[in-house]
N, C-alpha and C. Protein backbone atom coordinates (compact mmCIF):
# COMPACT_ATOMS: atom_id res chain seq x y z
N MET A 1 130.47 10.80 -16.84
CA MET A 1 129.14 10.31 -17.99
C MET A 1 127.66 10.35 -18.11
N SER A 2 127.12 10.96 -18.83
CA SER A 2 125.95 11.00 -18.55
C SER A 2 125.09 9.96 -18.82
N GLU A 3 124.44 9.48 -18.73
CA GLU A 3 123.43 8.33 -19.58
C GLU A 3 122.59 9.32 -20.46
N MET A 4 121.89 7.71 -21.60
CA MET A 4 120.89 9.05 -22.32
C MET A 4 119.49 8.84 -22.16
N SER A 5 119.24 9.10 -22.77
CA SER A 5 117.84 8.88 -22.62
C SER A 5 116.89 8.23 -23.77
N ARG A 6 115.98 7.39 -23.28
CA ARG A 6 115.41 6.65 -24.14
C ARG A 6 115.21 6.84 -25.20
N GLU A 7 115.05 7.61 -25.71
CA GLU A 7 114.63 8.68 -26.90
C GLU A 7 116.07 9.27 -28.03
N ASP A 8 116.81 9.29 -27.18
CA ASP A 8 118.30 9.34 -27.84
C ASP A 8 118.62 7.63 -28.29
N LEU A 9 118.94 7.25 -27.35
CA LEU A 9 119.38 5.65 -27.43
C LEU A 9 118.79 5.53 -28.76
N LEU A 10 117.15 5.88 -28.44
CA LEU A 10 116.60 4.87 -29.69
C LEU A 10 116.94 5.54 -31.15
N ASP A 11 117.36 6.41 -30.97
CA ASP A 11 117.39 7.17 -32.27
C ASP A 11 118.96 6.48 -32.78
N VAL A 12 119.87 6.57 -31.93
CA VAL A 12 121.14 5.88 -32.58
C VAL A 12 121.10 4.58 -32.68
N VAL A 13 120.26 4.12 -32.32
CA VAL A 13 119.90 2.26 -32.91
C VAL A 13 119.16 2.43 -34.27
N ARG A 14 118.63 3.87 -34.08
CA ARG A 14 117.26 3.79 -35.44
C ARG A 14 118.65 3.91 -36.96
N ARG A 15 119.70 5.37 -36.61
CA ARG A 15 121.03 5.91 -37.53
C ARG A 15 121.64 4.50 -37.93
N VAL A 16 121.71 3.87 -37.07
CA VAL A 16 122.74 2.82 -36.97
C VAL A 16 122.15 1.65 -38.27
N TYR A 17 120.79 1.38 -37.70
CA TYR A 17 120.26 0.45 -38.99
C TYR A 17 119.91 0.89 -40.36
N GLU A 18 119.77 2.40 -40.37
CA GLU A 18 119.64 3.22 -41.70
C GLU A 18 120.92 2.98 -42.53
N GLU A 19 122.28 2.97 -41.69
CA GLU A 19 123.45 3.15 -42.63
C GLU A 19 123.60 1.65 -42.64
N ARG A 20 124.13 1.21 -41.78
CA ARG A 20 124.65 -0.61 -41.85
C ARG A 20 123.41 -1.62 -42.65
N ASP A 21 122.50 -1.26 -42.28
CA ASP A 21 121.20 -2.23 -42.71
C ASP A 21 120.04 -1.62 -43.30
N PRO A 22 120.05 -1.15 -44.84
CA PRO A 22 119.24 -0.16 -45.16
C PRO A 22 118.46 -1.17 -45.99
N VAL A 23 117.13 -0.82 -46.10
CA VAL A 23 115.79 -1.66 -46.36
C VAL A 23 116.13 -1.50 -48.13
N PRO A 24 116.08 -2.53 -48.52
CA PRO A 24 116.19 -3.02 -50.12
C PRO A 24 115.86 -2.53 -51.11
N GLU A 25 116.62 -1.50 -51.53
CA GLU A 25 115.56 -1.19 -52.69
C GLU A 25 114.77 -1.89 -53.31
N GLY A 26 113.22 -0.86 -53.65
CA GLY A 26 112.58 -1.56 -54.31
C GLY A 26 111.68 -2.50 -53.16
N LEU A 27 112.13 -3.62 -52.04
CA LEU A 27 111.59 -3.81 -51.07
C LEU A 27 110.02 -3.49 -51.05
N VAL A 28 110.07 -2.24 -50.48
CA VAL A 28 108.43 -1.52 -50.36
C VAL A 28 107.67 -1.81 -51.07
N ALA A 29 108.20 -1.25 -52.59
CA ALA A 29 107.08 -1.53 -53.74
C ALA A 29 106.83 -2.75 -53.92
N ARG A 30 107.44 -3.72 -53.96
CA ARG A 30 107.07 -5.20 -54.01
C ARG A 30 106.23 -5.48 -53.26
N MET A 31 106.68 -5.03 -51.88
CA MET A 31 105.74 -5.63 -50.60
C MET A 31 104.16 -5.30 -51.10
N GLN A 32 104.26 -3.63 -51.25
CA GLN A 32 103.03 -3.08 -51.78
C GLN A 32 102.05 -3.49 -52.71
N ALA A 33 102.75 -4.38 -53.68
CA ALA A 33 102.27 -4.78 -54.90
C ALA A 33 101.77 -6.38 -54.15
N ALA A 34 102.51 -6.93 -53.55
CA ALA A 34 101.77 -7.89 -53.26
C ALA A 34 100.89 -8.41 -52.48
N ALA A 35 100.56 -7.17 -51.42
CA ALA A 35 99.51 -6.74 -50.63
C ALA A 35 98.25 -6.62 -51.56
N ALA A 36 98.54 -5.25 -52.06
CA ALA A 36 97.41 -5.46 -53.16
C ALA A 36 97.15 -6.21 -54.36
N LEU A 37 97.83 -7.37 -54.86
CA LEU A 37 97.36 -8.40 -55.32
C LEU A 37 96.50 -9.13 -54.41
N GLU A 38 97.18 -9.37 -53.63
CA GLU A 38 96.19 -10.28 -52.43
C GLU A 38 94.83 -9.61 -51.97
N ALA A 39 94.98 -8.12 -51.66
CA ALA A 39 94.06 -7.86 -51.38
C ALA A 39 92.82 -8.03 -52.68
N SER A 40 93.53 -7.94 -53.66
CA SER A 40 92.41 -7.46 -54.97
C SER A 40 91.83 -8.75 -55.57
N ASP A 41 92.45 -10.05 -54.70
CA ASP A 41 92.04 -11.62 -54.99
C ASP A 41 90.41 -11.71 -54.92
N ILE A 42 89.61 -11.35 -55.25
CA ILE A 42 88.22 -11.30 -54.42
C ILE A 42 87.89 -12.85 -54.22
N ASP A 43 88.14 -13.85 -55.38
CA ASP A 43 87.90 -14.97 -55.77
C ASP A 43 88.59 -15.78 -54.75
N GLY A 44 89.59 -15.64 -54.19
CA GLY A 44 91.06 -16.25 -53.56
C GLY A 44 90.61 -17.58 -52.62
N GLU A 45 89.40 -16.93 -51.60
CA GLU A 45 88.91 -18.22 -51.22
C GLU A 45 87.97 -19.11 -51.73
N LEU A 46 87.38 -18.44 -53.08
CA LEU A 46 86.46 -19.59 -53.52
C LEU A 46 87.54 -20.54 -54.22
N LEU A 47 88.61 -19.82 -54.70
CA LEU A 47 89.19 -21.01 -55.90
C LEU A 47 89.84 -21.92 -54.90
N GLY A 48 90.53 -21.64 -53.80
CA GLY A 48 91.09 -22.28 -53.47
C GLY A 48 92.56 -22.21 -53.21
N LEU A 49 93.58 -22.55 -52.57
CA LEU A 49 94.70 -21.82 -52.63
C LEU A 49 95.94 -22.98 -51.97
N MET A 50 96.78 -23.28 -53.27
CA MET A 50 97.72 -24.19 -53.01
C MET A 50 98.88 -23.84 -52.21
N GLU A 51 99.60 -25.20 -51.89
CA GLU A 51 100.54 -24.76 -50.07
C GLU A 51 101.63 -24.97 -50.70
N LEU A 52 102.84 -24.06 -50.65
CA LEU A 52 103.94 -24.33 -51.13
C LEU A 52 104.51 -25.33 -49.94
N VAL A 53 104.84 -26.39 -50.88
CA VAL A 53 105.36 -27.32 -50.04
C VAL A 53 107.30 -27.52 -50.32
N GLU A 54 107.97 -27.08 -51.24
CA GLU A 54 108.82 -27.27 -50.88
C GLU A 54 109.65 -26.31 -52.28
N ARG A 55 110.98 -25.16 -52.18
CA ARG A 55 111.66 -24.89 -53.20
C ARG A 55 113.39 -25.64 -53.41
N SER A 56 113.56 -25.28 -54.40
CA SER A 56 115.05 -25.26 -54.72
C SER A 56 115.59 -24.93 -55.65
N GLU A 57 116.96 -24.51 -55.45
CA GLU A 57 117.75 -23.53 -56.24
C GLU A 57 118.55 -24.24 -57.13
N GLU A 58 118.85 -24.02 -57.94
CA GLU A 58 119.77 -24.69 -58.85
C GLU A 58 120.77 -23.92 -59.39
N LEU A 59 121.99 -24.13 -59.19
CA LEU A 59 123.23 -23.49 -59.79
C LEU A 59 122.67 -22.61 -61.17
N VAL A 60 123.41 -21.42 -61.16
CA VAL A 60 123.86 -20.63 -62.17
C VAL A 60 124.02 -21.32 -63.43
N GLY A 61 123.62 -21.12 -64.53
CA GLY A 61 124.17 -21.78 -65.72
C GLY A 61 125.50 -20.80 -66.16
N ALA A 62 125.85 -21.27 -67.13
CA ALA A 62 127.44 -20.84 -67.73
C ALA A 62 126.51 -19.28 -68.62
N ARG A 63 125.84 -19.20 -68.80
CA ARG A 63 124.98 -17.53 -69.91
C ARG A 63 124.34 -16.73 -68.27
N GLY A 64 124.48 -17.41 -67.78
CA GLY A 64 124.19 -16.41 -66.27
C GLY A 64 122.21 -16.52 -66.08
N THR A 65 121.62 -17.96 -66.37
CA THR A 65 120.48 -18.76 -66.67
C THR A 65 120.02 -19.12 -64.52
N ALA A 66 119.10 -18.20 -64.23
CA ALA A 66 119.01 -18.80 -62.93
C ALA A 66 117.73 -19.72 -63.20
N THR A 67 117.66 -20.99 -62.12
CA THR A 67 116.50 -21.50 -62.44
C THR A 67 116.27 -21.91 -61.06
N TYR A 68 114.83 -22.26 -60.55
CA TYR A 68 114.30 -22.79 -59.16
C TYR A 68 113.11 -23.60 -59.49
N THR A 69 113.05 -24.46 -58.39
CA THR A 69 112.14 -25.18 -58.24
C THR A 69 111.15 -24.85 -57.30
N LEU A 70 109.43 -25.10 -57.87
CA LEU A 70 108.22 -25.04 -56.76
C LEU A 70 107.62 -26.28 -56.72
N ARG A 71 107.00 -26.27 -55.14
CA ARG A 71 106.57 -27.55 -55.21
C ARG A 71 105.38 -27.43 -55.06
N PHE A 72 103.98 -27.25 -54.92
CA PHE A 72 102.84 -26.82 -54.63
C PHE A 72 101.86 -28.00 -54.37
N VAL A 73 101.09 -28.00 -53.53
CA VAL A 73 100.13 -29.14 -53.15
C VAL A 73 98.69 -28.49 -52.86
N HIS A 74 97.53 -29.32 -53.86
CA HIS A 74 96.34 -28.59 -53.28
C HIS A 74 95.36 -29.90 -53.04
N GLY A 75 94.57 -30.46 -52.03
CA GLY A 75 93.50 -31.78 -52.17
C GLY A 75 94.76 -32.62 -52.41
N ASP A 76 94.50 -33.61 -53.96
CA ASP A 76 95.25 -34.71 -54.45
C ASP A 76 95.46 -34.24 -55.57
N THR A 77 95.96 -32.50 -55.76
CA THR A 77 96.55 -32.69 -56.89
C THR A 77 98.12 -31.97 -56.22
N ASP A 78 99.47 -32.36 -57.22
CA ASP A 78 100.52 -32.01 -56.92
C ASP A 78 100.88 -31.14 -58.03
N LEU A 79 101.63 -30.05 -58.33
CA LEU A 79 101.93 -29.16 -59.02
C LEU A 79 103.33 -28.98 -58.87
N LEU A 80 104.82 -29.07 -60.02
CA LEU A 80 105.78 -28.85 -60.06
C LEU A 80 106.27 -28.08 -60.97
N VAL A 81 106.77 -26.83 -60.52
CA VAL A 81 107.38 -25.85 -61.58
C VAL A 81 108.90 -25.56 -61.55
N ARG A 82 109.22 -25.57 -62.43
CA ARG A 82 110.54 -24.97 -62.61
C ARG A 82 110.58 -24.07 -63.55
N VAL A 83 111.25 -22.81 -62.76
CA VAL A 83 110.92 -21.53 -63.44
C VAL A 83 112.77 -20.70 -63.72
N ALA A 84 112.36 -20.49 -64.87
CA ALA A 84 113.99 -20.22 -65.76
C ALA A 84 114.15 -18.93 -66.01
N VAL A 85 115.19 -18.34 -65.42
CA VAL A 85 114.76 -16.77 -66.02
C VAL A 85 116.04 -16.40 -66.12
N ASP A 86 116.18 -15.52 -67.59
CA ASP A 86 117.57 -15.13 -68.30
C ASP A 86 116.93 -13.91 -69.13
N ASP A 87 117.77 -12.73 -68.97
CA ASP A 87 118.06 -11.59 -70.08
C ASP A 87 116.80 -10.96 -69.31
N GLY A 88 115.50 -10.86 -68.75
CA GLY A 88 114.53 -10.24 -67.93
C GLY A 88 113.29 -11.22 -68.29
N ARG A 89 113.35 -12.61 -69.07
CA ARG A 89 112.40 -12.60 -69.15
C ARG A 89 112.01 -14.34 -68.37
N SER A 90 111.16 -14.48 -68.33
CA SER A 90 111.11 -15.79 -67.49
C SER A 90 110.34 -16.82 -68.40
N ARG A 91 110.77 -18.18 -67.92
CA ARG A 91 110.24 -19.37 -68.96
C ARG A 91 109.54 -20.51 -67.66
N ILE A 92 107.98 -20.71 -67.57
CA ILE A 92 107.97 -21.88 -66.35
C ILE A 92 107.67 -23.17 -66.90
N ASP A 93 108.52 -24.56 -67.10
CA ASP A 93 108.07 -25.58 -67.17
C ASP A 93 107.35 -26.22 -66.10
N GLY A 94 105.91 -27.04 -66.26
CA GLY A 94 105.27 -27.09 -65.09
C GLY A 94 104.95 -28.82 -65.17
N TRP A 95 103.94 -29.17 -64.12
CA TRP A 95 103.43 -30.81 -64.38
C TRP A 95 102.84 -30.78 -63.25
N VAL A 96 101.72 -31.08 -64.13
CA VAL A 96 100.33 -31.38 -62.93
C VAL A 96 100.53 -33.12 -62.38
N VAL A 97 100.33 -33.54 -61.30
CA VAL A 97 99.95 -35.42 -61.08
C VAL A 97 98.69 -35.02 -59.79
N PRO A 98 97.95 -35.52 -60.46
CA PRO A 98 97.92 -36.58 -61.40
C PRO A 98 97.45 -35.92 -62.75
N PRO A 99 98.26 -36.07 -63.98
CA PRO A 99 97.43 -34.89 -64.93
C PRO A 99 96.14 -35.32 -65.32
N GLU A 100 95.18 -33.90 -65.43
CA GLU A 100 93.86 -33.64 -65.73
C GLU A 100 93.46 -32.74 -66.87
N PRO A 101 92.86 -32.76 -67.81
CA PRO A 101 93.17 -31.42 -68.63
C PRO A 101 92.51 -30.35 -67.64
N MET A 102 93.13 -29.19 -68.26
CA MET A 102 93.22 -28.11 -67.52
C MET A 102 93.72 -26.57 -68.21
N THR A 103 93.38 -25.46 -67.99
CA THR A 103 93.91 -24.66 -67.95
C THR A 103 95.10 -24.21 -66.73
N VAL A 104 96.26 -23.71 -67.21
CA VAL A 104 96.96 -23.06 -66.30
C VAL A 104 97.56 -21.89 -66.76
N ARG A 105 96.56 -20.52 -66.30
CA ARG A 105 96.77 -18.85 -66.15
C ARG A 105 97.76 -18.69 -65.31
N ALA A 106 98.75 -17.36 -66.08
CA ALA A 106 99.73 -16.54 -65.36
C ALA A 106 99.60 -15.51 -66.27
N GLY A 107 98.24 -14.24 -65.30
CA GLY A 107 98.11 -13.44 -65.91
C GLY A 107 97.60 -13.21 -66.75
N GLU A 108 98.09 -12.99 -68.44
CA GLU A 108 97.54 -12.65 -69.83
C GLU A 108 98.14 -14.08 -70.13
N HIS A 109 99.12 -14.88 -69.76
CA HIS A 109 99.74 -16.08 -70.68
C HIS A 109 98.80 -17.31 -69.80
N ALA A 110 98.59 -17.77 -70.92
CA ALA A 110 98.08 -19.08 -70.85
C ALA A 110 98.59 -20.44 -71.22
N ALA A 111 98.47 -21.77 -70.57
CA ALA A 111 98.77 -22.98 -71.55
C ALA A 111 98.12 -24.20 -71.20
N THR A 112 97.69 -24.83 -72.00
CA THR A 112 96.34 -26.14 -71.63
C THR A 112 97.48 -27.28 -71.60
N VAL A 113 97.06 -27.70 -70.70
CA VAL A 113 98.19 -29.15 -69.66
C VAL A 113 97.70 -30.71 -71.26
N THR A 114 99.10 -31.05 -70.90
CA THR A 114 98.97 -32.18 -72.08
C THR A 114 98.49 -33.42 -71.17
N ASP A 115 98.09 -34.43 -71.95
CA ASP A 115 97.79 -36.02 -71.62
C ASP A 115 98.37 -36.29 -70.36
N THR A 116 100.05 -35.95 -70.41
CA THR A 116 101.01 -36.05 -69.33
C THR A 116 101.34 -35.52 -68.22
N GLY A 117 99.94 -34.07 -68.38
CA GLY A 117 100.16 -33.47 -67.45
C GLY A 117 101.14 -32.20 -67.61
N ARG A 118 101.92 -32.10 -68.38
CA ARG A 118 102.70 -31.01 -68.64
C ARG A 118 102.35 -30.11 -69.11
N PHE A 119 102.87 -28.79 -69.33
CA PHE A 119 102.23 -27.18 -69.28
C PHE A 119 103.81 -26.70 -69.61
N GLU A 120 103.82 -25.40 -70.32
CA GLU A 120 104.95 -24.42 -70.52
C GLU A 120 104.55 -23.58 -70.69
N LEU A 121 105.30 -22.58 -69.70
CA LEU A 121 104.70 -20.84 -70.39
C LEU A 121 105.81 -19.75 -70.37
N THR A 122 105.98 -19.35 -71.43
CA THR A 122 106.56 -18.67 -71.72
C THR A 122 106.89 -17.23 -72.59
N GLY A 123 108.08 -16.26 -72.06
CA GLY A 123 107.98 -14.66 -72.16
C GLY A 123 107.35 -14.19 -70.79
N LEU A 124 107.12 -14.96 -69.93
CA LEU A 124 106.51 -14.04 -68.35
C LEU A 124 107.95 -12.91 -68.48
N PRO A 125 106.94 -11.72 -67.67
CA PRO A 125 107.85 -10.30 -67.41
C PRO A 125 108.31 -11.01 -65.33
N LEU A 126 108.94 -10.28 -65.40
CA LEU A 126 109.78 -10.78 -63.90
C LEU A 126 108.86 -9.80 -63.03
N GLY A 127 108.91 -10.22 -62.17
CA GLY A 127 107.94 -9.40 -60.99
C GLY A 127 106.79 -10.81 -59.85
N LEU A 128 105.67 -10.24 -59.60
CA LEU A 128 105.00 -11.02 -58.67
C LEU A 128 104.15 -11.81 -60.18
N LEU A 129 103.61 -13.56 -59.45
CA LEU A 129 103.03 -13.60 -60.08
C LEU A 129 102.57 -15.15 -59.57
N ARG A 130 100.94 -15.21 -59.98
CA ARG A 130 99.98 -16.70 -59.18
C ARG A 130 99.48 -17.27 -60.48
N LEU A 131 99.67 -18.35 -60.48
CA LEU A 131 99.26 -19.38 -61.50
C LEU A 131 97.88 -19.69 -60.69
N SER A 132 97.02 -19.65 -62.06
CA SER A 132 95.61 -20.53 -61.73
C SER A 132 95.30 -21.64 -62.50
N LEU A 133 94.87 -22.97 -61.42
CA LEU A 133 94.68 -23.78 -62.12
C LEU A 133 93.00 -23.86 -62.75
N GLU A 134 92.66 -24.31 -63.54
CA GLU A 134 91.34 -24.07 -63.81
C GLU A 134 90.88 -25.31 -64.78
N PRO A 135 90.79 -26.57 -63.79
CA PRO A 135 90.11 -28.02 -64.72
C PRO A 135 88.57 -27.84 -66.24
N HIS A 136 89.14 -28.30 -66.71
CA HIS A 136 87.90 -28.30 -67.68
C HIS A 136 86.88 -29.09 -67.06
N ASP A 137 86.83 -30.03 -66.25
CA ASP A 137 85.70 -30.52 -65.69
C ASP A 137 85.25 -29.68 -64.65
N ILE A 138 83.83 -28.95 -65.17
CA ILE A 138 83.48 -28.01 -64.49
C ILE A 138 83.23 -28.14 -63.40
N ALA A 139 82.82 -29.27 -62.73
CA ALA A 139 82.10 -30.03 -61.49
C ALA A 139 83.53 -29.86 -60.57
N ARG A 140 84.60 -29.42 -61.23
CA ARG A 140 85.75 -28.83 -60.31
C ARG A 140 85.84 -27.92 -59.94
N PRO A 141 86.34 -27.19 -59.35
CA PRO A 141 86.63 -26.06 -58.80
C PRO A 141 88.45 -25.66 -59.42
N ALA A 142 87.83 -24.16 -59.65
CA ALA A 142 89.84 -23.73 -60.36
C ALA A 142 90.53 -23.15 -58.69
N PHE A 143 91.72 -23.70 -58.59
CA PHE A 143 92.09 -23.22 -57.61
C PHE A 143 93.64 -22.33 -57.65
N SER A 144 94.40 -22.62 -57.31
CA SER A 144 95.62 -20.80 -57.45
C SER A 144 96.41 -21.35 -56.44
N THR A 145 97.82 -21.02 -57.20
CA THR A 145 98.80 -20.67 -56.04
C THR A 145 98.96 -19.77 -55.24
N PRO A 146 99.97 -19.52 -54.22
CA PRO A 146 100.08 -18.58 -53.66
C PRO A 146 101.13 -17.63 -54.42
N THR A 147 101.08 -16.36 -54.50
CA THR A 147 102.29 -15.27 -55.21
C THR A 147 103.70 -15.62 -54.63
N PHE A 148 104.30 -15.69 -56.02
CA PHE A 148 105.66 -15.75 -55.79
C PHE A 148 106.13 -15.16 -57.22
N GLU A 149 107.42 -14.36 -56.42
CA GLU A 149 108.31 -13.69 -57.46
C GLU A 149 109.68 -14.63 -58.17
N ILE A 150 109.15 -13.95 -59.48
CA ILE A 150 110.15 -14.23 -60.31
C ILE A 150 111.33 -13.51 -60.32
């Protein structure tokens, strides 16, 4: 039995991976979009970026609604968001702790945080999303979450 060259062996490995473990459809486009979004966020360093500290998924509901919870932290501000996805649209219910007057933006959607720290964003399209938090106190700088996918 003859030995395979390095190139022939790598070719076999490549073919096996392409056949048995292909790149998921749309992954390359989603990653390119995420990279473009990150690159286009010139103010990212100035805004301050929250840190994702927890993610939990809940059981799928009877109607096929998928929900999950994300928790972000920036300094002394804690942000908890519950994302629900149903029929291609999503809803975010969020809580800012400690509560403070601010506007939360997700693309063209915006909500004002109540005096209890709660806000909601409805009718959000599926895809990549970043929440920007803009305190009404102009002395306090805005900050945002890392980009996440709904």
